[in-house]
């Protein structure tokens, strides 16, 4: 996620094309960039990894659905690279969320088996 922030915030042609195609340029580009930045920071802090993973799952779910419904798998001749990166981030975030499920306030203790 961090790697794509430069392109979102600097207005790279591919980012502008993507968000124009889905009808969210420029607000959606900046909003998703901010959400990805927040998620990335939270993922790096052990106490908030679970929250970063949830935010990343949401952002990537939106990106994946945009690819499947509007953009297509391949965008501007990238060979599907952005789509695959979105899938990798989604799966990685799901794994991190599962691994850190015990840290989720209120419900976390119920999600982790207790030793007898």
N, C-alpha and C. Protein backbone atom coordinates (compact mmCIF):
# COMPACT_ATOMS: atom_id res chain seq x y z
N UNK A 1 0.82 -1.19 0.00
CA UNK A 1 0.00 0.00 0.00
C UNK A 1 0.86 1.25 0.00
N UNK A 2 1.91 1.24 0.79
CA UNK A 2 2.75 2.43 0.87
C UNK A 2 3.34 2.80 -0.49
N UNK A 3 3.66 1.80 -1.28
CA UNK A 3 4.29 2.04 -2.57
C UNK A 3 3.38 2.83 -3.51
N UNK A 4 2.08 2.63 -3.44
CA UNK A 4 1.17 3.32 -4.36
C UNK A 4 0.81 4.73 -3.90
N UNK A 5 1.12 5.08 -2.66
CA UNK A 5 0.75 6.41 -2.15
C UNK A 5 1.41 7.53 -2.94
N UNK A 6 2.66 7.37 -3.30
CA UNK A 6 3.36 8.39 -4.08
C UNK A 6 2.57 8.72 -5.35
N UNK A 7 2.08 7.69 -6.03
CA UNK A 7 1.37 7.89 -7.29
C UNK A 7 0.01 8.54 -7.07
N UNK A 8 -0.65 8.17 -5.99
CA UNK A 8 -1.96 8.77 -5.68
C UNK A 8 -1.83 10.25 -5.35
N UNK A 9 -0.87 10.58 -4.50
CA UNK A 9 -0.74 11.95 -4.02
C UNK A 9 -0.08 12.89 -5.04
N UNK A 10 0.70 12.35 -5.97
CA UNK A 10 1.34 13.20 -6.97
C UNK A 10 0.54 13.30 -8.26
N UNK A 11 -0.56 12.57 -8.34
CA UNK A 11 -1.42 12.66 -9.52
C UNK A 11 -0.85 11.97 -10.74
N UNK A 12 -0.29 10.79 -10.54
CA UNK A 12 0.23 10.01 -11.67
C UNK A 12 -0.91 9.69 -12.64
N UNK A 13 -0.59 9.64 -13.91
CA UNK A 13 -1.59 9.43 -14.95
C UNK A 13 -2.45 8.19 -14.70
N UNK A 14 -1.82 7.09 -14.28
CA UNK A 14 -2.56 5.85 -14.03
C UNK A 14 -3.56 6.02 -12.89
N UNK A 15 -3.17 6.70 -11.82
CA UNK A 15 -4.07 6.93 -10.69
C UNK A 15 -5.25 7.80 -11.11
N UNK A 16 -4.95 8.86 -11.85
CA UNK A 16 -6.03 9.74 -12.31
C UNK A 16 -6.98 8.97 -13.22
N UNK A 17 -6.44 8.16 -14.13
CA UNK A 17 -7.28 7.36 -15.01
C UNK A 17 -8.20 6.43 -14.21
N UNK A 18 -7.64 5.75 -13.22
CA UNK A 18 -8.43 4.81 -12.42
C UNK A 18 -9.58 5.52 -11.73
N UNK A 19 -9.29 6.63 -11.07
CA UNK A 19 -10.34 7.31 -10.30
C UNK A 19 -11.31 8.08 -11.19
N UNK A 20 -10.87 8.52 -12.38
CA UNK A 20 -11.83 9.10 -13.33
C UNK A 20 -12.78 8.02 -13.84
N UNK A 21 -12.24 6.84 -14.10
CA UNK A 21 -13.06 5.73 -14.61
C UNK A 21 -14.13 5.32 -13.62
N UNK A 22 -13.80 5.31 -12.34
CA UNK A 22 -14.80 4.93 -11.33
C UNK A 22 -15.62 6.13 -10.85
N UNK A 23 -15.32 7.32 -11.38
CA UNK A 23 -16.10 8.51 -11.07
C UNK A 23 -15.79 9.14 -9.73
N UNK A 24 -14.57 8.97 -9.24
CA UNK A 24 -14.23 9.49 -7.92
C UNK A 24 -13.00 10.41 -7.93
N UNK A 25 -12.61 10.91 -9.07
CA UNK A 25 -11.44 11.79 -9.17
C UNK A 25 -11.85 13.22 -8.84
N UNK A 26 -11.14 13.96 -8.04
CA UNK A 26 -9.91 13.65 -7.32
C UNK A 26 -10.18 13.20 -5.87
N UNK A 27 -11.39 13.43 -5.38
CA UNK A 27 -11.68 13.15 -3.96
C UNK A 27 -11.37 11.70 -3.60
N UNK A 28 -11.81 10.76 -4.41
CA UNK A 28 -11.60 9.35 -4.11
C UNK A 28 -10.14 8.97 -4.08
N UNK A 29 -9.36 9.59 -4.97
CA UNK A 29 -7.93 9.30 -5.01
C UNK A 29 -7.26 9.76 -3.72
N UNK A 30 -7.57 10.97 -3.29
CA UNK A 30 -6.97 11.49 -2.05
C UNK A 30 -7.51 10.74 -0.83
N UNK A 31 -8.81 10.47 -0.79
CA UNK A 31 -9.40 9.78 0.37
C UNK A 31 -8.83 8.37 0.50
N UNK A 32 -8.72 7.65 -0.61
CA UNK A 32 -8.16 6.29 -0.51
C UNK A 32 -6.69 6.35 -0.14
N UNK A 33 -5.98 7.37 -0.62
CA UNK A 33 -4.58 7.54 -0.24
C UNK A 33 -4.41 7.78 1.24
N UNK A 34 -5.26 8.63 1.79
CA UNK A 34 -5.20 8.91 3.23
C UNK A 34 -5.55 7.65 4.02
N UNK A 35 -6.59 6.92 3.59
CA UNK A 35 -6.98 5.68 4.28
C UNK A 35 -5.84 4.66 4.22
N UNK A 36 -5.18 4.54 3.08
CA UNK A 36 -4.06 3.60 2.96
C UNK A 36 -2.88 4.03 3.82
N UNK A 37 -2.62 5.33 3.90
CA UNK A 37 -1.54 5.82 4.75
C UNK A 37 -1.82 5.52 6.22
N UNK A 38 -3.04 5.79 6.66
CA UNK A 38 -3.43 5.50 8.04
C UNK A 38 -3.32 4.00 8.33
N UNK A 39 -3.84 3.18 7.41
CA UNK A 39 -3.76 1.73 7.58
C UNK A 39 -2.31 1.26 7.67
N UNK A 40 -1.46 1.80 6.81
CA UNK A 40 -0.05 1.39 6.81
C UNK A 40 0.63 1.73 8.13
N UNK A 41 0.37 2.93 8.64
CA UNK A 41 0.96 3.32 9.92
C UNK A 41 0.45 2.41 11.04
N UNK A 42 -0.86 2.17 11.07
CA UNK A 42 -1.43 1.31 12.11
C UNK A 42 -0.91 -0.12 12.02
N UNK A 43 -0.67 -0.61 10.81
CA UNK A 43 -0.13 -1.96 10.65
C UNK A 43 1.27 -2.09 11.26
N UNK A 44 2.01 -1.02 11.27
CA UNK A 44 3.38 -1.05 11.77
C UNK A 44 3.50 -0.92 13.29
N UNK A 45 2.41 -0.54 13.94
CA UNK A 45 2.41 -0.39 15.40
C UNK A 45 1.76 -1.65 16.00
N UNK A 46 2.52 -2.43 16.76
CA UNK A 46 1.99 -3.71 17.24
C UNK A 46 0.62 -3.64 17.94
N UNK A 47 0.37 -2.61 18.73
CA UNK A 47 -0.91 -2.52 19.43
C UNK A 47 -2.09 -2.23 18.50
N UNK A 48 -1.81 -1.68 17.32
CA UNK A 48 -2.90 -1.29 16.41
C UNK A 48 -2.89 -2.06 15.09
N UNK A 49 -2.10 -3.12 15.03
CA UNK A 49 -2.03 -3.90 13.79
C UNK A 49 -3.41 -4.38 13.37
N UNK A 50 -4.21 -4.82 14.31
CA UNK A 50 -5.56 -5.33 14.00
C UNK A 50 -6.40 -4.25 13.32
N UNK A 51 -6.30 -3.00 13.78
CA UNK A 51 -7.10 -1.92 13.20
C UNK A 51 -6.60 -1.57 11.80
N UNK A 52 -5.29 -1.53 11.64
CA UNK A 52 -4.72 -1.30 10.31
C UNK A 52 -5.14 -2.38 9.33
N UNK A 53 -5.20 -3.62 9.80
CA UNK A 53 -5.61 -4.72 8.94
C UNK A 53 -7.07 -4.58 8.52
N UNK A 54 -7.93 -4.15 9.44
CA UNK A 54 -9.34 -3.96 9.09
C UNK A 54 -9.50 -2.86 8.05
N UNK A 55 -8.80 -1.75 8.25
CA UNK A 55 -8.88 -0.64 7.29
C UNK A 55 -8.33 -1.08 5.94
N UNK A 56 -7.20 -1.78 5.95
CA UNK A 56 -6.61 -2.27 4.70
C UNK A 56 -7.55 -3.23 3.98
N UNK A 57 -8.21 -4.11 4.74
CA UNK A 57 -9.18 -5.03 4.13
C UNK A 57 -10.30 -4.26 3.43
N UNK A 58 -10.79 -3.22 4.07
CA UNK A 58 -11.86 -2.42 3.48
C UNK A 58 -11.43 -1.69 2.22
N UNK A 59 -10.26 -1.06 2.29
CA UNK A 59 -9.76 -0.32 1.12
C UNK A 59 -9.49 -1.29 -0.04
N UNK A 60 -8.87 -2.41 0.26
CA UNK A 60 -8.54 -3.37 -0.80
C UNK A 60 -9.79 -4.05 -1.35
N UNK A 61 -10.79 -4.27 -0.50
CA UNK A 61 -12.05 -4.84 -1.00
C UNK A 61 -12.66 -3.88 -2.03
N UNK A 62 -12.62 -2.59 -1.73
CA UNK A 62 -13.12 -1.60 -2.69
C UNK A 62 -12.32 -1.61 -3.98
N UNK A 63 -11.00 -1.69 -3.87
CA UNK A 63 -10.14 -1.72 -5.06
C UNK A 63 -10.40 -2.97 -5.90
N UNK A 64 -10.50 -4.11 -5.23
CA UNK A 64 -10.74 -5.37 -5.95
C UNK A 64 -12.10 -5.33 -6.65
N UNK A 65 -13.11 -4.85 -5.95
CA UNK A 65 -14.44 -4.76 -6.57
C UNK A 65 -14.44 -3.79 -7.75
N UNK A 66 -13.69 -2.69 -7.65
CA UNK A 66 -13.59 -1.76 -8.76
C UNK A 66 -12.96 -2.42 -9.98
N UNK A 67 -11.94 -3.24 -9.73
CA UNK A 67 -11.31 -3.95 -10.83
C UNK A 67 -12.28 -4.96 -11.46
N UNK A 68 -13.04 -5.65 -10.62
CA UNK A 68 -13.93 -6.69 -11.14
C UNK A 68 -15.17 -6.14 -11.82
N UNK A 69 -15.60 -4.93 -11.45
CA UNK A 69 -16.86 -4.41 -11.99
C UNK A 69 -16.70 -3.29 -13.00
N UNK A 70 -15.69 -2.44 -12.85
CA UNK A 70 -15.58 -1.26 -13.71
C UNK A 70 -14.27 -1.23 -14.50
N UNK A 71 -13.17 -1.41 -13.82
CA UNK A 71 -11.85 -1.20 -14.42
C UNK A 71 -11.37 -2.36 -15.28
N UNK A 72 -11.68 -3.56 -14.86
CA UNK A 72 -11.09 -4.74 -15.50
C UNK A 72 -9.83 -5.13 -14.74
N UNK A 73 -9.35 -6.32 -14.98
CA UNK A 73 -8.16 -6.82 -14.29
C UNK A 73 -6.93 -6.02 -14.71
N UNK A 74 -6.80 -5.76 -15.98
CA UNK A 74 -5.66 -5.01 -16.50
C UNK A 74 -6.04 -3.55 -16.68
N UNK A 75 -5.19 -2.66 -16.18
CA UNK A 75 -5.44 -1.22 -16.28
C UNK A 75 -4.26 -0.57 -17.01
N UNK A 76 -4.54 0.07 -18.10
CA UNK A 76 -3.53 0.79 -18.89
C UNK A 76 -2.30 -0.08 -19.19
N UNK A 77 -2.55 -1.33 -19.55
CA UNK A 77 -1.47 -2.22 -19.97
C UNK A 77 -0.54 -2.68 -18.86
N UNK A 78 -1.02 -2.71 -17.62
CA UNK A 78 -0.15 -3.12 -16.50
C UNK A 78 -0.08 -4.63 -16.32
N UNK A 79 -0.79 -5.39 -17.15
CA UNK A 79 -0.75 -6.84 -17.05
C UNK A 79 -1.43 -7.38 -15.81
N UNK A 80 -2.26 -6.57 -15.15
CA UNK A 80 -2.97 -7.01 -13.96
C UNK A 80 -2.18 -6.81 -12.67
N UNK A 81 -1.07 -6.10 -12.74
CA UNK A 81 -0.20 -5.92 -11.58
C UNK A 81 -0.93 -5.26 -10.41
N UNK A 82 -1.66 -4.18 -10.66
CA UNK A 82 -2.38 -3.50 -9.58
C UNK A 82 -3.42 -4.41 -8.94
N UNK A 83 -4.13 -5.17 -9.77
CA UNK A 83 -5.13 -6.10 -9.27
C UNK A 83 -4.49 -7.16 -8.37
N UNK A 84 -3.39 -7.74 -8.83
CA UNK A 84 -2.71 -8.78 -8.06
C UNK A 84 -2.15 -8.20 -6.76
N UNK A 85 -1.60 -6.98 -6.82
CA UNK A 85 -1.10 -6.35 -5.59
C UNK A 85 -2.24 -6.13 -4.60
N UNK A 86 -3.41 -5.76 -5.10
CA UNK A 86 -4.57 -5.59 -4.23
C UNK A 86 -4.97 -6.89 -3.55
N UNK A 87 -4.93 -7.98 -4.31
CA UNK A 87 -5.26 -9.30 -3.75
C UNK A 87 -4.24 -9.70 -2.68
N UNK A 88 -2.95 -9.46 -2.97
CA UNK A 88 -1.89 -9.81 -2.01
C UNK A 88 -2.07 -9.01 -0.72
N UNK A 89 -2.34 -7.71 -0.83
CA UNK A 89 -2.54 -6.89 0.36
C UNK A 89 -3.78 -7.35 1.12
N UNK A 90 -4.85 -7.69 0.40
CA UNK A 90 -6.07 -8.16 1.05
C UNK A 90 -5.81 -9.44 1.84
N UNK A 91 -5.15 -10.41 1.23
CA UNK A 91 -4.86 -11.68 1.89
C UNK A 91 -3.91 -11.47 3.07
N UNK A 92 -2.88 -10.65 2.86
CA UNK A 92 -1.93 -10.37 3.95
C UNK A 92 -2.62 -9.70 5.13
N UNK A 93 -3.54 -8.78 4.83
CA UNK A 93 -4.28 -8.09 5.90
C UNK A 93 -5.18 -9.06 6.64
N UNK A 94 -5.80 -9.98 5.92
CA UNK A 94 -6.65 -10.98 6.57
C UNK A 94 -5.83 -11.87 7.50
N UNK A 95 -4.64 -12.24 7.05
CA UNK A 95 -3.76 -13.06 7.89
C UNK A 95 -3.33 -12.29 9.14
N UNK A 96 -2.96 -11.02 8.96
CA UNK A 96 -2.57 -10.18 10.11
C UNK A 96 -3.72 -10.00 11.09
N UNK A 97 -4.92 -9.80 10.56
CA UNK A 97 -6.08 -9.64 11.43
C UNK A 97 -6.32 -10.91 12.23
N UNK A 98 -6.23 -12.05 11.58
CA UNK A 98 -6.43 -13.33 12.27
C UNK A 98 -5.34 -13.53 13.34
N UNK A 99 -4.10 -13.22 12.99
CA UNK A 99 -3.00 -13.42 13.92
C UNK A 99 -3.09 -12.49 15.13
N UNK A 100 -3.71 -11.33 14.94
CA UNK A 100 -3.81 -10.33 16.01
C UNK A 100 -5.22 -10.19 16.55
N UNK A 101 -6.06 -11.18 16.31
CA UNK A 101 -7.46 -11.09 16.72
C UNK A 101 -7.64 -10.92 18.22
N UNK A 102 -6.71 -11.43 19.00
CA UNK A 102 -6.79 -11.31 20.45
C UNK A 102 -6.61 -9.87 20.94
N UNK A 103 -6.06 -9.01 20.11
CA UNK A 103 -5.83 -7.61 20.49
C UNK A 103 -7.04 -6.72 20.25
N UNK A 104 -8.06 -7.23 19.58
CA UNK A 104 -9.23 -6.42 19.27
C UNK A 104 -9.98 -6.14 20.57
N UNK A 105 -10.21 -4.86 20.89
CA UNK A 105 -10.92 -4.55 22.14
C UNK A 105 -12.30 -5.18 22.19
N UNK A 106 -12.74 -5.52 23.35
CA UNK A 106 -14.05 -6.07 23.69
C UNK A 106 -14.22 -7.50 23.20
N UNK A 107 -14.07 -7.76 21.90
CA UNK A 107 -14.35 -9.10 21.39
C UNK A 107 -13.11 -9.96 21.23
N UNK A 108 -11.92 -9.37 21.29
CA UNK A 108 -10.69 -10.11 21.03
C UNK A 108 -10.47 -11.31 21.90
N UNK A 109 -10.77 -11.18 23.19
CA UNK A 109 -10.56 -12.30 24.11
C UNK A 109 -11.49 -13.47 23.80
N UNK A 110 -12.60 -13.20 23.19
CA UNK A 110 -13.55 -14.28 22.83
C UNK A 110 -13.12 -15.01 21.57
N UNK A 111 -12.23 -14.39 20.78
CA UNK A 111 -11.82 -14.97 19.50
C UNK A 111 -10.62 -15.89 19.62
N UNK A 112 -9.94 -15.83 20.75
CA UNK A 112 -8.74 -16.64 20.96
C UNK A 112 -9.06 -17.75 21.94
N UNK A 113 -8.79 -19.01 21.58
CA UNK A 113 -9.05 -20.11 22.51
C UNK A 113 -8.26 -19.95 23.80
N UNK A 114 -8.90 -20.19 24.91
CA UNK A 114 -8.26 -20.09 26.22
C UNK A 114 -7.68 -21.45 26.61
N UNK A 115 -6.49 -21.43 27.20
CA UNK A 115 -5.88 -22.67 27.68
C UNK A 115 -6.63 -23.16 28.91
N UNK A 116 -6.81 -24.47 29.02
CA UNK A 116 -7.53 -25.05 30.16
C UNK A 116 -6.64 -25.26 31.33
